[in-house]
Amino acid sequence: MEIIFVISSIIIFIIVVLLSFQTVNYFKTMWKFKNRKKDGSEDDDFKYFD
């Protein structure tokens, strides 16, 4: 019974780490998008938001 609990805890921990990493990447990208130059020179980096 304890082995199942340990294995499920490890799996949940890995999922949480992956989700937090993806969230940090998303917020970093959105911060760059919000603070981009107004002349549109950097808009090629953000084509996947359209």
N, C-alpha and C. Protein backbone atom coordinates (compact mmCIF):
# COMPACT_ATOMS: atom_id res chain seq x y z
N MET A 1 0.82 -1.20 0.00
CA MET A 1 0.00 0.00 0.00
C MET A 1 0.86 1.26 0.00
N GLU A 2 1.94 1.24 0.77
CA GLU A 2 2.82 2.40 0.80
C GLU A 2 3.54 2.61 -0.53
N ILE A 3 3.84 1.52 -1.23
CA ILE A 3 4.52 1.63 -2.51
C ILE A 3 3.63 2.38 -3.51
N ILE A 4 2.34 2.08 -3.51
CA ILE A 4 1.41 2.76 -4.41
C ILE A 4 1.37 4.25 -4.08
N PHE A 5 1.36 4.58 -2.80
CA PHE A 5 1.33 5.98 -2.39
C PHE A 5 2.61 6.70 -2.82
N VAL A 6 3.75 6.06 -2.67
CA VAL A 6 5.02 6.67 -3.07
C VAL A 6 5.06 6.89 -4.58
N ILE A 7 4.65 5.89 -5.35
CA ILE A 7 4.67 6.00 -6.81
C ILE A 7 3.72 7.10 -7.27
N SER A 8 2.52 7.17 -6.70
CA SER A 8 1.58 8.21 -7.11
C SER A 8 2.08 9.59 -6.69
N SER A 9 2.75 9.70 -5.56
CA SER A 9 3.31 10.98 -5.14
C SER A 9 4.39 11.44 -6.11
N ILE A 10 5.24 10.53 -6.55
CA ILE A 10 6.29 10.87 -7.51
C ILE A 10 5.68 11.33 -8.83
N ILE A 11 4.66 10.63 -9.31
CA ILE A 11 4.01 10.99 -10.57
C ILE A 11 3.36 12.37 -10.46
N ILE A 12 2.67 12.63 -9.35
CA ILE A 12 2.03 13.93 -9.15
C ILE A 12 3.09 15.03 -9.08
N PHE A 13 4.20 14.77 -8.42
CA PHE A 13 5.28 15.75 -8.33
C PHE A 13 5.84 16.08 -9.70
N ILE A 14 6.05 15.07 -10.54
CA ILE A 14 6.57 15.29 -11.89
C ILE A 14 5.58 16.13 -12.71
N ILE A 15 4.28 15.84 -12.59
CA ILE A 15 3.27 16.60 -13.32
C ILE A 15 3.27 18.06 -12.88
N VAL A 16 3.38 18.28 -11.56
CA VAL A 16 3.38 19.66 -11.04
C VAL A 16 4.60 20.42 -11.54
N VAL A 17 5.77 19.78 -11.56
CA VAL A 17 6.98 20.45 -12.04
C VAL A 17 6.84 20.81 -13.52
N LEU A 18 6.32 19.89 -14.33
CA LEU A 18 6.14 20.19 -15.76
C LEU A 18 5.15 21.32 -15.98
N LEU A 19 4.05 21.31 -15.23
CA LEU A 19 3.04 22.36 -15.39
C LEU A 19 3.58 23.71 -14.97
N SER A 20 4.34 23.76 -13.88
CA SER A 20 4.88 25.05 -13.45
C SER A 20 5.92 25.56 -14.45
N PHE A 21 6.70 24.67 -15.04
CA PHE A 21 7.67 25.07 -16.05
C PHE A 21 6.97 25.66 -17.27
N GLN A 22 5.89 25.01 -17.72
CA GLN A 22 5.13 25.51 -18.87
C GLN A 22 4.49 26.86 -18.54
N THR A 23 4.00 27.02 -17.31
CA THR A 23 3.38 28.27 -16.91
C THR A 23 4.39 29.41 -16.91
N VAL A 24 5.59 29.15 -16.42
CA VAL A 24 6.64 30.18 -16.41
C VAL A 24 6.99 30.57 -17.84
N ASN A 25 7.12 29.60 -18.73
CA ASN A 25 7.42 29.90 -20.13
C ASN A 25 6.30 30.73 -20.76
N TYR A 26 5.05 30.40 -20.46
CA TYR A 26 3.92 31.12 -21.03
C TYR A 26 3.92 32.58 -20.56
N PHE A 27 4.12 32.79 -19.25
CA PHE A 27 4.10 34.16 -18.74
C PHE A 27 5.27 34.97 -19.25
N LYS A 28 6.43 34.31 -19.44
CA LYS A 28 7.58 35.00 -20.00
C LYS A 28 7.28 35.45 -21.43
N THR A 29 6.67 34.58 -22.22
CA THR A 29 6.33 34.92 -23.60
C THR A 29 5.29 36.03 -23.64
N MET A 30 4.27 35.96 -22.78
CA MET A 30 3.24 36.98 -22.78
C MET A 30 3.80 38.32 -22.32
N TRP A 31 4.75 38.31 -21.40
CA TRP A 31 5.37 39.55 -20.94
C TRP A 31 6.17 40.19 -22.08
N LYS A 32 6.88 39.35 -22.84
CA LYS A 32 7.61 39.87 -24.00
C LYS A 32 6.64 40.40 -25.04
N PHE A 33 5.51 39.72 -25.23
CA PHE A 33 4.51 40.16 -26.20
C PHE A 33 3.90 41.50 -25.79
N LYS A 34 3.63 41.65 -24.49
CA LYS A 34 3.02 42.89 -24.00
C LYS A 34 3.99 44.06 -24.12
N ASN A 35 5.27 43.80 -23.96
CA ASN A 35 6.28 44.86 -23.94
C ASN A 35 7.05 44.96 -25.25
N ARG A 36 6.48 44.42 -26.35
CA ARG A 36 7.20 44.45 -27.61
C ARG A 36 7.20 45.86 -28.20
N LYS A 37 8.05 46.04 -29.17
CA LYS A 37 8.14 47.34 -29.83
C LYS A 37 6.87 47.61 -30.62
N LYS A 38 6.48 48.86 -30.70
CA LYS A 38 5.21 49.21 -31.34
C LYS A 38 5.29 49.22 -32.87
N ASP A 39 6.50 49.21 -33.42
CA ASP A 39 6.61 49.30 -34.89
C ASP A 39 6.37 47.97 -35.59
N GLY A 40 6.17 46.90 -34.85
CA GLY A 40 5.87 45.61 -35.45
C GLY A 40 7.08 44.84 -35.90
N SER A 41 8.29 45.29 -35.55
CA SER A 41 9.50 44.60 -36.02
C SER A 41 9.68 43.25 -35.37
N GLU A 42 9.07 43.05 -34.18
CA GLU A 42 9.24 41.78 -33.48
C GLU A 42 8.03 40.87 -33.64
N ASP A 43 7.07 41.24 -34.46
CA ASP A 43 5.84 40.47 -34.54
C ASP A 43 6.01 39.10 -35.19
N ASP A 44 7.12 38.85 -35.88
CA ASP A 44 7.35 37.53 -36.45
C ASP A 44 7.48 36.47 -35.37
N ASP A 45 7.93 36.86 -34.16
CA ASP A 45 8.09 35.90 -33.07
C ASP A 45 6.75 35.46 -32.51
N PHE A 46 5.66 36.20 -32.81
CA PHE A 46 4.39 35.95 -32.15
C PHE A 46 3.30 35.53 -33.13
N LYS A 47 3.70 34.91 -34.25
CA LYS A 47 2.72 34.50 -35.24
C LYS A 47 1.74 33.47 -34.67
N TYR A 48 2.17 32.63 -33.73
CA TYR A 48 1.29 31.58 -33.24
C TYR A 48 0.20 32.09 -32.30
N PHE A 49 0.19 33.40 -31.99
CA PHE A 49 -0.92 33.93 -31.21
C PHE A 49 -2.10 34.31 -32.10
N ASP A 50 -1.87 34.45 -33.39
CA ASP A 50 -2.95 34.86 -34.30
C ASP A 50 -3.91 33.71 -34.55
